[in-house]
C-alpha atoms as a PDB file:
ATOM      1  CA  MET A   1      20.028 153.405 -49.719  1.00  0.00           C
ATOM      2  CA  VAL A   2      21.883 151.031 -46.893  1.00  0.00           C
ATOM      3  CA  VAL A   3      23.359 148.363 -49.197  1.00  0.00           C
ATOM      4  CA  PHE A   4      25.689 146.340 -46.545  1.00  0.00           C
ATOM      5  CA  ASP A   5      25.136 146.368 -42.579  1.00  0.00           C
ATOM      6  CA  LYS A   6      26.595 144.235 -39.528  1.00  0.00           C
ATOM      7  CA  PRO A   7      23.922 141.869 -38.179  1.00  0.00           C
ATOM      8  CA  LYS A   8      22.970 143.281 -34.803  1.00  0.00           C
ATOM      9  CA  SER A   9      23.183 139.739 -33.510  1.00  0.00           C
ATOM     10  CA  LEU A  10      26.908 139.552 -34.596  1.00  0.00           C
ATOM     11  CA  ALA A  11      29.614 140.698 -31.987  1.00  0.00           C
ATOM     12  CA  ASP A  12      31.692 143.884 -33.457  1.00  0.00           C
ATOM     13  CA  VAL A  13      34.997 142.311 -32.388  1.00  0.00           C
ATOM     14  CA  PRO A  14      37.815 140.391 -34.710  1.00  0.00           C
ATOM     15  CA  LEU A  15      37.278 136.804 -35.308  1.00  0.00           C
ATOM     16  CA  HIS A  16      40.203 134.497 -34.012  1.00  0.00           C
ATOM     17  CA  TYR A  17      39.608 132.012 -37.144  1.00  0.00           C
ATOM     18  CA  CYS A  18      42.309 131.691 -39.751  1.00  0.00           C
ATOM     19  CA  PRO A  19      42.258 134.033 -42.746  1.00  0.00           C
ATOM     20  CA  GLY A  20      40.432 132.225 -45.616  1.00  0.00           C
ATOM     21  CA  CYS A  21      38.338 129.952 -43.129  1.00  0.00           C
ATOM     22  CA  THR A  22      34.856 130.380 -44.446  1.00  0.00           C
ATOM     23  CA  HIS A  23      33.357 130.124 -40.355  1.00  0.00           C
ATOM     24  CA  GLY A  24      33.119 133.986 -40.553  1.00  0.00           C
ATOM     25  CA  ILE A  25      30.785 133.676 -43.656  1.00  0.00           C
ATOM     26  CA  ILE A  26      28.538 131.156 -41.660  1.00  0.00           C
ATOM     27  CA  HIS A  27      28.741 133.127 -38.067  1.00  0.00           C
ATOM     28  CA  ARG A  28      27.214 136.061 -40.389  1.00  0.00           C
ATOM     29  CA  LEU A  29      24.272 133.979 -42.212  1.00  0.00           C
ATOM     30  CA  VAL A  30      23.352 132.473 -38.732  1.00  0.00           C
ATOM     31  CA  ALA A  31      23.526 136.466 -37.201  1.00  0.00           C
ATOM     32  CA  GLU A  32      21.488 137.518 -40.102  1.00  0.00           C
ATOM     33  CA  THR A  33      19.026 134.967 -39.534  1.00  0.00           C
ATOM     34  CA  ILE A  34      18.524 135.578 -35.936  1.00  0.00           C
ATOM     35  CA  ASP A  35      18.152 139.253 -36.927  1.00  0.00           C
ATOM     36  CA  GLU A  36      15.620 138.633 -39.765  1.00  0.00           C
ATOM     37  CA  LEU A  37      13.289 136.699 -37.490  1.00  0.00           C
ATOM     38  CA  GLY A  38      13.289 138.838 -34.558  1.00  0.00           C
ATOM     39  CA  ILE A  39      14.446 136.259 -32.018  1.00  0.00           C
ATOM     40  CA  GLU A  40      17.725 137.854 -30.575  1.00  0.00           C
ATOM     41  CA  GLY A  41      16.283 137.672 -27.274  1.00  0.00           C
ATOM     42  CA  LYS A  42      14.901 134.232 -27.024  1.00  0.00           C
ATOM     43  CA  THR A  43      18.203 132.664 -28.683  1.00  0.00           C
ATOM     44  CA  ILE A  44      20.228 130.483 -27.026  1.00  0.00           C
ATOM     45  CA  GLY A  45      23.418 129.134 -28.774  1.00  0.00           C
ATOM     46  CA  VAL A  46      25.571 126.120 -27.870  1.00  0.00           C
ATOM     47  CA  ALA A  47      29.279 126.269 -28.475  1.00  0.00           C
ATOM     48  CA  PRO A  48      31.039 122.845 -28.840  1.00  0.00           C
ATOM     49  CA  VAL A  49      34.775 122.077 -28.525  1.00  0.00           C
ATOM     50  CA  GLY A  50      36.716 123.064 -32.149  1.00  0.00           C
ATOM     51  CA  CYS A  51      37.540 125.922 -33.741  1.00  0.00           C
ATOM     52  CA  SER A  52      34.292 127.356 -33.010  1.00  0.00           C
ATOM     53  CA  VAL A  53      34.917 126.816 -29.200  1.00  0.00           C
ATOM     54  CA  LEU A  54      34.813 130.776 -28.969  1.00  0.00           C
ATOM     55  CA  ALA A  55      31.379 130.977 -30.334  1.00  0.00           C
ATOM     56  CA  TYR A  56      30.348 132.374 -28.015  1.00  0.00           C
ATOM     57  CA  ASN A  57      31.954 135.965 -28.097  1.00  0.00           C
ATOM     58  CA  TYR A  58      30.500 136.087 -31.366  1.00  0.00           C
ATOM     59  CA  PHE A  59      27.072 136.259 -31.208  1.00  0.00           C
ATOM     60  CA  ASN A  60      24.791 138.887 -29.058  1.00  0.00           C
ATOM     61  CA  CYS A  61      22.466 136.290 -27.700  1.00  0.00           C
ATOM     62  CA  ASP A  62      22.667 133.927 -24.712  1.00  0.00           C
ATOM     63  CA  MET A  63      25.354 131.449 -25.324  1.00  0.00           C
ATOM     64  CA  VAL A  64      26.410 128.216 -23.175  1.00  0.00           C
ATOM     65  CA  GLU A  65      29.529 126.481 -23.702  1.00  0.00           C
ATOM     66  CA  ALA A  66      29.495 122.473 -24.239  1.00  0.00           C
ATOM     67  CA  ALA A  67      31.661 120.060 -23.530  1.00  0.00           C
ATOM     68  CA  HIS A  68      33.176 117.692 -26.847  1.00  0.00           C
ATOM     69  CA  GLY A  69      30.618 116.404 -28.688  1.00  0.00           C
ATOM     70  CA  ARG A  70      27.268 117.273 -26.551  1.00  0.00           C
ATOM     71  CA  ALA A  71      26.112 120.279 -27.817  1.00  0.00           C
ATOM     72  CA  PRO A  72      22.841 118.367 -29.092  1.00  0.00           C
ATOM     73  CA  ALA A  73      22.370 117.029 -25.689  1.00  0.00           C
ATOM     74  CA  VAL A  74      22.696 120.396 -24.283  1.00  0.00           C
ATOM     75  CA  ALA A  75      20.259 122.043 -26.783  1.00  0.00           C
ATOM     76  CA  THR A  76      18.026 119.409 -25.696  1.00  0.00           C
ATOM     77  CA  GLY A  77      17.975 120.394 -22.347  1.00  0.00           C
ATOM     78  CA  LEU A  78      17.504 123.494 -23.207  1.00  0.00           C
ATOM     79  CA  LYS A  79      14.546 123.731 -25.687  1.00  0.00           C
ATOM     80  CA  ARG A  80      12.936 121.195 -23.179  1.00  0.00           C
ATOM     81  CA  SER A  81      13.226 123.481 -20.235  1.00  0.00           C
ATOM     82  CA  ASP A  82      10.826 126.076 -22.130  1.00  0.00           C
ATOM     83  CA  PRO A  83       9.944 124.474 -25.725  1.00  0.00           C
ATOM     84  CA  ASP A  84       8.106 128.061 -26.279  1.00  0.00           C
ATOM     85  CA  ASN A  85      10.194 130.519 -25.460  1.00  0.00           C
ATOM     86  CA  HIS A  86      13.623 128.993 -26.403  1.00  0.00           C
ATOM     87  CA  ILE A  87      15.160 129.102 -30.017  1.00  0.00           C
ATOM     88  CA  VAL A  88      17.986 126.899 -29.716  1.00  0.00           C
ATOM     89  CA  PHE A  89      20.743 126.293 -32.107  1.00  0.00           C
ATOM     90  CA  THR A  90      24.273 124.411 -32.055  1.00  0.00           C
ATOM     91  CA  TYR A  91      27.244 125.164 -34.428  1.00  0.00           C
ATOM     92  CA  GLN A  92      29.519 122.238 -34.584  1.00  0.00           C
ATOM     93  CA  GLY A  93      32.465 121.193 -36.763  1.00  0.00           C
ATOM     94  CA  ASP A  94      32.768 117.628 -38.283  1.00  0.00           C
ATOM     95  CA  GLY A  95      35.141 115.884 -35.910  1.00  0.00           C
ATOM     96  CA  ASP A  96      32.420 117.406 -32.591  1.00  0.00           C
ATOM     97  CA  LEU A  97      29.228 116.251 -34.372  1.00  0.00           C
ATOM     98  CA  ALA A  98      30.404 113.364 -36.466  1.00  0.00           C
ATOM     99  CA  SER A  99      33.320 111.618 -34.210  1.00  0.00           C
ATOM    100  CA  ILE A 100      33.031 111.664 -30.222  1.00  0.00           C
ATOM    101  CA  GLY A 101      29.053 113.574 -30.816  1.00  0.00           C
ATOM    102  CA  MET A 102      27.576 111.072 -33.413  1.00  0.00           C
ATOM    103  CA  ALA A 103      25.343 109.357 -30.866  1.00  0.00           C
ATOM    104  CA  GLU A 104      24.147 112.962 -29.849  1.00  0.00           C
ATOM    105  CA  THR A 105      23.556 113.518 -33.316  1.00  0.00           C
ATOM    106  CA  VAL A 106      21.738 110.579 -34.259  1.00  0.00           C
ATOM    107  CA  HIS A 107      19.476 110.363 -30.973  1.00  0.00           C
ATOM    108  CA  SER A 108      18.119 114.038 -31.064  1.00  0.00           C
ATOM    109  CA  ALA A 109      17.325 113.625 -35.066  1.00  0.00           C
ATOM    110  CA  ALA A 110      15.608 110.049 -34.176  1.00  0.00           C
ATOM    111  CA  ARG A 111      13.611 111.567 -31.412  1.00  0.00           C
ATOM    112  CA  ASN A 112      12.561 114.845 -33.524  1.00  0.00           C
ATOM    113  CA  GLU A 113      14.303 117.020 -30.878  1.00  0.00           C
ATOM    114  CA  ASN A 114      12.877 120.440 -32.026  1.00  0.00           C
ATOM    115  CA  ILE A 115      16.437 122.265 -32.211  1.00  0.00           C
ATOM    116  CA  THR A 116      18.797 123.251 -35.287  1.00  0.00           C
ATOM    117  CA  ILE A 117      22.070 122.273 -36.043  1.00  0.00           C
ATOM    118  CA  ILE A 118      24.859 124.188 -37.890  1.00  0.00           C
ATOM    119  CA  PHE A 119      27.092 121.274 -39.267  1.00  0.00           C
ATOM    120  CA  VAL A 120      30.398 122.779 -40.503  1.00  0.00           C
ATOM    121  CA  ASN A 121      32.017 120.290 -42.475  1.00  0.00           C
ATOM    122  CA  ASN A 122      35.998 121.226 -43.729  1.00  0.00           C
ATOM    123  CA  ALA A 123      36.829 117.547 -43.874  1.00  0.00           C
ATOM    124  CA  ILE A 124      39.837 117.702 -41.218  1.00  0.00           C
ATOM    125  CA  TYR A 125      40.164 118.251 -37.332  1.00  0.00           C
ATOM    126  CA  GLY A 126      40.811 122.021 -37.539  1.00  0.00           C
ATOM    127  CA  MET A 127      41.876 123.361 -34.043  1.00  0.00           C
ATOM    128  CA  THR A 128      44.219 120.444 -32.822  1.00  0.00           C
ATOM    129  CA  GLY A 129      46.071 120.589 -35.916  1.00  0.00           C
ATOM    130  CA  GLY A 130      45.152 118.825 -38.731  1.00  0.00           C
ATOM    131  CA  GLN A 131      44.164 115.265 -38.064  1.00  0.00           C
ATOM    132  CA  MET A 132      41.768 113.058 -40.224  1.00  0.00           C
ATOM    133  CA  ALA A 133      38.292 113.534 -39.380  1.00  0.00           C
ATOM    134  CA  PRO A 134      35.232 111.504 -39.745  1.00  0.00           C
ATOM    135  CA  THR A 135      34.558 113.281 -43.072  1.00  0.00           C
ATOM    136  CA  SER A 136      37.974 113.183 -44.644  1.00  0.00           C
ATOM    137  CA  LEU A 137      38.137 112.542 -48.040  1.00  0.00           C
ATOM    138  CA  PRO A 138      39.105 109.192 -49.820  1.00  0.00           C
ATOM    139  CA  GLY A 139      43.019 109.923 -50.353  1.00  0.00           C
ATOM    140  CA  GLN A 140      43.242 113.013 -48.220  1.00  0.00           C
ATOM    141  CA  VAL A 141      46.546 113.791 -47.008  1.00  0.00           C
ATOM    142  CA  THR A 142      46.053 114.901 -43.230  1.00  0.00           C
ATOM    143  CA  GLN A 143      48.536 114.896 -40.419  1.00  0.00           C
ATOM    144  CA  THR A 144      47.333 111.275 -39.140  1.00  0.00           C
ATOM    145  CA  SER A 145      47.102 110.145 -42.700  1.00  0.00           C
ATOM    146  CA  PRO A 146      50.309 111.652 -44.318  1.00  0.00           C
ATOM    147  CA  TYR A 147      49.775 109.222 -47.511  1.00  0.00           C
ATOM    148  CA  GLY A 148      46.290 109.948 -48.208  1.00  0.00           C
ATOM    149  CA  ARG A 149      43.282 108.760 -46.198  1.00  0.00           C
ATOM    150  CA  ASP A 150      43.392 104.986 -47.065  1.00  0.00           C
ATOM    151  CA  THR A 151      39.568 103.530 -46.725  1.00  0.00           C
ATOM    152  CA  ASP A 152      40.818  99.489 -46.593  1.00  0.00           C
ATOM    153  CA  HIS A 153      42.451 100.950 -43.093  1.00  0.00           C
ATOM    154  CA  CYS A 154      40.613 103.870 -42.056  1.00  0.00           C
ATOM    155  CA  GLY A 155      36.981 102.998 -43.441  1.00  0.00           C
ATOM    156  CA  PHE A 156      35.272 105.366 -46.038  1.00  0.00           C
ATOM    157  CA  PRO A 157      33.843 108.956 -44.663  1.00  0.00           C
ATOM    158  CA  VAL A 158      30.674 109.628 -42.948  1.00  0.00           C
ATOM    159  CA  LYS A 159      28.522 111.291 -45.312  1.00  0.00           C
ATOM    160  CA  VAL A 160      26.082 112.691 -41.977  1.00  0.00           C
ATOM    161  CA  SER A 161      23.361 114.038 -44.394  1.00  0.00           C
ATOM    162  CA  GLU A 162      22.660 111.364 -46.305  1.00  0.00           C
ATOM    163  CA  MET A 163      22.763 108.966 -42.626  1.00  0.00           C
ATOM    164  CA  LEU A 164      20.093 111.501 -40.810  1.00  0.00           C
ATOM    165  CA  SER A 165      17.864 111.798 -43.475  1.00  0.00           C
ATOM    166  CA  GLN A 166      17.454 107.768 -42.912  1.00  0.00           C
ATOM    167  CA  LEU A 167      15.650 108.312 -39.583  1.00  0.00           C
ATOM    168  CA  ASP A 168      12.075 108.893 -39.545  1.00  0.00           C
ATOM    169  CA  GLY A 169      12.704 111.458 -36.523  1.00  0.00           C
ATOM    170  CA  ALA A 170      14.528 113.859 -38.945  1.00  0.00           C
ATOM    171  CA  GLY A 171      12.504 116.845 -40.088  1.00  0.00           C
ATOM    172  CA  TYR A 172      14.594 118.991 -42.309  1.00  0.00           C
ATOM    173  CA  ILE A 173      18.211 117.847 -43.595  1.00  0.00           C
ATOM    174  CA  GLU A 174      19.758 120.200 -46.455  1.00  0.00           C
ATOM    175  CA  ARG A 175      23.633 120.213 -47.318  1.00  0.00           C
ATOM    176  CA  VAL A 176      24.876 123.762 -48.260  1.00  0.00           C
ATOM    177  CA  ALA A 177      28.129 125.418 -49.472  1.00  0.00           C
ATOM    178  CA  VAL A 178      29.799 128.942 -49.097  1.00  0.00           C
ATOM    179  CA  ASN A 179      32.788 128.758 -51.803  1.00  0.00           C
ATOM    180  CA  ASN A 180      31.265 131.483 -53.845  1.00  0.00           C
ATOM    181  CA  VAL A 181      28.207 133.826 -53.940  1.00  0.00           C
ATOM    182  CA  LYS A 182      25.255 131.590 -55.479  1.00  0.00           C
ATOM    183  CA  ASN A 183      25.838 129.249 -52.836  1.00  0.00           C
ATOM    184  CA  VAL A 184      26.356 131.600 -49.937  1.00  0.00           C
ATOM    185  CA  ARG A 185      22.973 132.769 -50.592  1.00  0.00           C
ATOM    186  CA  ASN A 186      21.506 129.329 -51.123  1.00  0.00           C
ATOM    187  CA  ALA A 187      23.424 128.795 -47.902  1.00  0.00           C
ATOM    188  CA  LYS A 188      21.345 131.730 -45.884  1.00  0.00           C
ATOM    189  CA  LYS A 189      18.117 130.580 -47.470  1.00  0.00           C
ATOM    190  CA  ALA A 190      18.740 126.798 -45.843  1.00  0.00           C
ATOM    191  CA  ILE A 191      19.926 128.337 -42.279  1.00  0.00           C
ATOM    192  CA  LYS A 192      16.746 130.450 -42.327  1.00  0.00           C
ATOM    193  CA  LYS A 193      14.517 127.750 -42.912  1.00  0.00           C
ATOM    194  CA  ALA A 194      15.619 125.855 -40.144  1.00  0.00           C
ATOM    195  CA  PHE A 195      15.146 128.106 -37.876  1.00  0.00           C
ATOM    196  CA  GLN A 196      12.146 129.288 -39.030  1.00  0.00           C
ATOM    197  CA  ASN A 197      11.102 125.142 -38.870  1.00  0.00           C
ATOM    198  CA  GLN A 198      11.802 125.368 -34.842  1.00  0.00           C
ATOM    199  CA  ILE A 199      10.097 128.403 -34.622  1.00  0.00           C
ATOM    200  CA  ASP A 200       6.784 126.433 -36.156  1.00  0.00           C
ATOM    201  CA  LYS A 201       7.208 123.593 -34.273  1.00  0.00           C
ATOM    202  CA  LYS A 202       8.700 121.503 -37.215  1.00  0.00           C
ATOM    203  CA  GLY A 203      11.268 119.557 -35.338  1.00  0.00           C
ATOM    204  CA  PHE A 204      14.900 118.823 -35.759  1.00  0.00           C
ATOM    205  CA  SER A 205      16.188 120.520 -38.778  1.00  0.00           C
ATOM    206  CA  LEU A 206      20.305 120.002 -39.313  1.00  0.00           C
ATOM    207  CA  ILE A 207      22.327 122.032 -42.242  1.00  0.00           C
ATOM    208  CA  GLU A 208      25.405 120.684 -43.314  1.00  0.00           C
ATOM    209  CA  VAL A 209      27.931 123.592 -44.663  1.00  0.00           C
ATOM    210  CA  VAL A 210      30.831 122.562 -46.895  1.00  0.00           C
ATOM    211  CA  SER A 211      33.109 124.476 -45.984  1.00  0.00           C
ATOM    212  CA  THR A 212      37.590 125.192 -45.985  1.00  0.00           C
ATOM    213  CA  CYS A 213      40.215 125.120 -43.832  1.00  0.00           C
ATOM    214  CA  PRO A 214      43.301 126.327 -46.081  1.00  0.00           C
ATOM    215  CA  THR A 215      45.656 126.414 -43.123  1.00  0.00           C
ATOM    216  CA  ASN A 216      45.605 122.860 -42.259  1.00  0.00           C
ATOM    217  CA  TRP A 217      44.523 121.877 -46.059  1.00  0.00           C
ATOM    218  CA  GLY A 218      48.247 123.516 -46.480  1.00  0.00           C
ATOM    219  CA  MET A 219      46.678 125.913 -49.403  1.00  0.00           C
ATOM    220  CA  THR A 220      45.759 129.139 -49.806  1.00  0.00           C
ATOM    221  CA  PRO A 221      42.156 130.531 -49.472  1.00  0.00           C
ATOM    222  CA  GLU A 222      41.557 130.737 -53.008  1.00  0.00           C
ATOM    223  CA  LYS A 223      42.763 127.175 -54.082  1.00  0.00           C
ATOM    224  CA  ALA A 224      40.470 126.011 -51.273  1.00  0.00           C
ATOM    225  CA  LEU A 225      37.888 127.152 -52.311  1.00  0.00           C
ATOM    226  CA  GLU A 226      38.598 125.917 -55.489  1.00  0.00           C
ATOM    227  CA  TRP A 227      39.302 122.537 -53.848  1.00  0.00           C
ATOM    228  CA  VAL A 228      35.928 122.249 -52.290  1.00  0.00           C
ATOM    229  CA  GLU A 229      34.325 122.916 -55.470  1.00  0.00           C
ATOM    230  CA  GLU A 230      36.591 120.234 -57.207  1.00  0.00           C
ATOM    231  CA  LYS A 231      36.993 117.639 -54.454  1.00  0.00           C
ATOM    232  CA  MET A 232      34.479 117.891 -51.366  1.00  0.00           C
ATOM    233  CA  ILE A 233      30.913 118.759 -53.273  1.00  0.00           C
ATOM    234  CA  PRO A 234      31.604 116.049 -55.482  1.00  0.00           C
ATOM    235  CA  TYR A 235      31.671 113.519 -52.983  1.00  0.00           C
ATOM    236  CA  TYR A 236      29.252 115.654 -50.324  1.00  0.00           C
ATOM    237  CA  PRO A 237      26.641 116.470 -52.968  1.00  0.00           C
ATOM    238  CA  LEU A 238      24.625 119.817 -52.249  1.00  0.00           C
ATOM    239  CA  GLY A 239      20.716 119.694 -51.553  1.00  0.00           C
ATOM    240  CA  VAL A 240      17.448 118.783 -49.673  1.00  0.00           C
ATOM    241  CA  TYR A 241      17.965 115.506 -48.121  1.00  0.00           C
ATOM    242  CA  LYS A 242      14.639 115.353 -46.093  1.00  0.00           C
ATOM    243  CA  ASP A 243      12.180 117.788 -45.772  1.00  0.00           C
ATOM    244  CA  ARG A 244       9.429 116.307 -44.138  1.00  0.00           C
ATOM    245  CA  ASP A 245       7.216 119.177 -44.201  1.00  0.00           C
ATOM    246  CA  ALA A 246       7.100 119.176 -48.332  1.00  0.00           C
ATOM    247  CA  GLU A 247       6.738 115.552 -48.132  1.00  0.00           C
ATOM    248  CA  ASN A 248       3.595 115.834 -46.325  1.00  0.00           C
ATOM    249  CA  LYS A 249       2.229 118.562 -48.743  1.00  0.00           C
ATOM    250  CA  GLY A 250       3.313 116.408 -51.864  1.00  0.00           C
ATOM    251  CA  GLU A 251       5.920 118.764 -53.060  1.00  0.00           C
END
């Protein structure tokens, strides 16, 4: 009996991510989903600018590189060019999606574009050196907030899932985490549902994944996982924030 197998949609190459980074887990979940749904030949991924800028090296499906923050706009064009034969997903970090790309994110949700967004929230700018991000927690120490994020000066973190759930166009919004086995399994279910919703033409889906950044947090991988549980999840509660399909069914 095979108990473990590498997804065919995941390239057999080393990842460039830092030790303890949870991007690798999320990549695997996306690749498993593509395999299980049998959509590798029609899937197009959109890589952003950020730690996952090289994501095109890791997925065995067509990939397109987008300018910083513009992945939802690129995904919209790809999907609309052949809506019946393209399954399109973006894979974005919090700096890319919630800062320079916020307009693209909001308006693709408002238009209910039939795309899937995988949003990795590790509360910091990873690739550029650990600056404060739109999602950095109050009091969080970063390279540009060495005394902790001061909400009087910098404002409060952007809670993307809560915000997008208020848009009539958004179809499915869920926040998950990958800091333990239970949460990884729930994350897989959410990601698979988001892709299935696109196949079923149910519109815009975004899965926010609360993640770690041990290097820029200045922690060991073990401590980073604990910090997710103790600090991030209380501020960014997990769960479904919008599911229009369930609402229509009265669930």
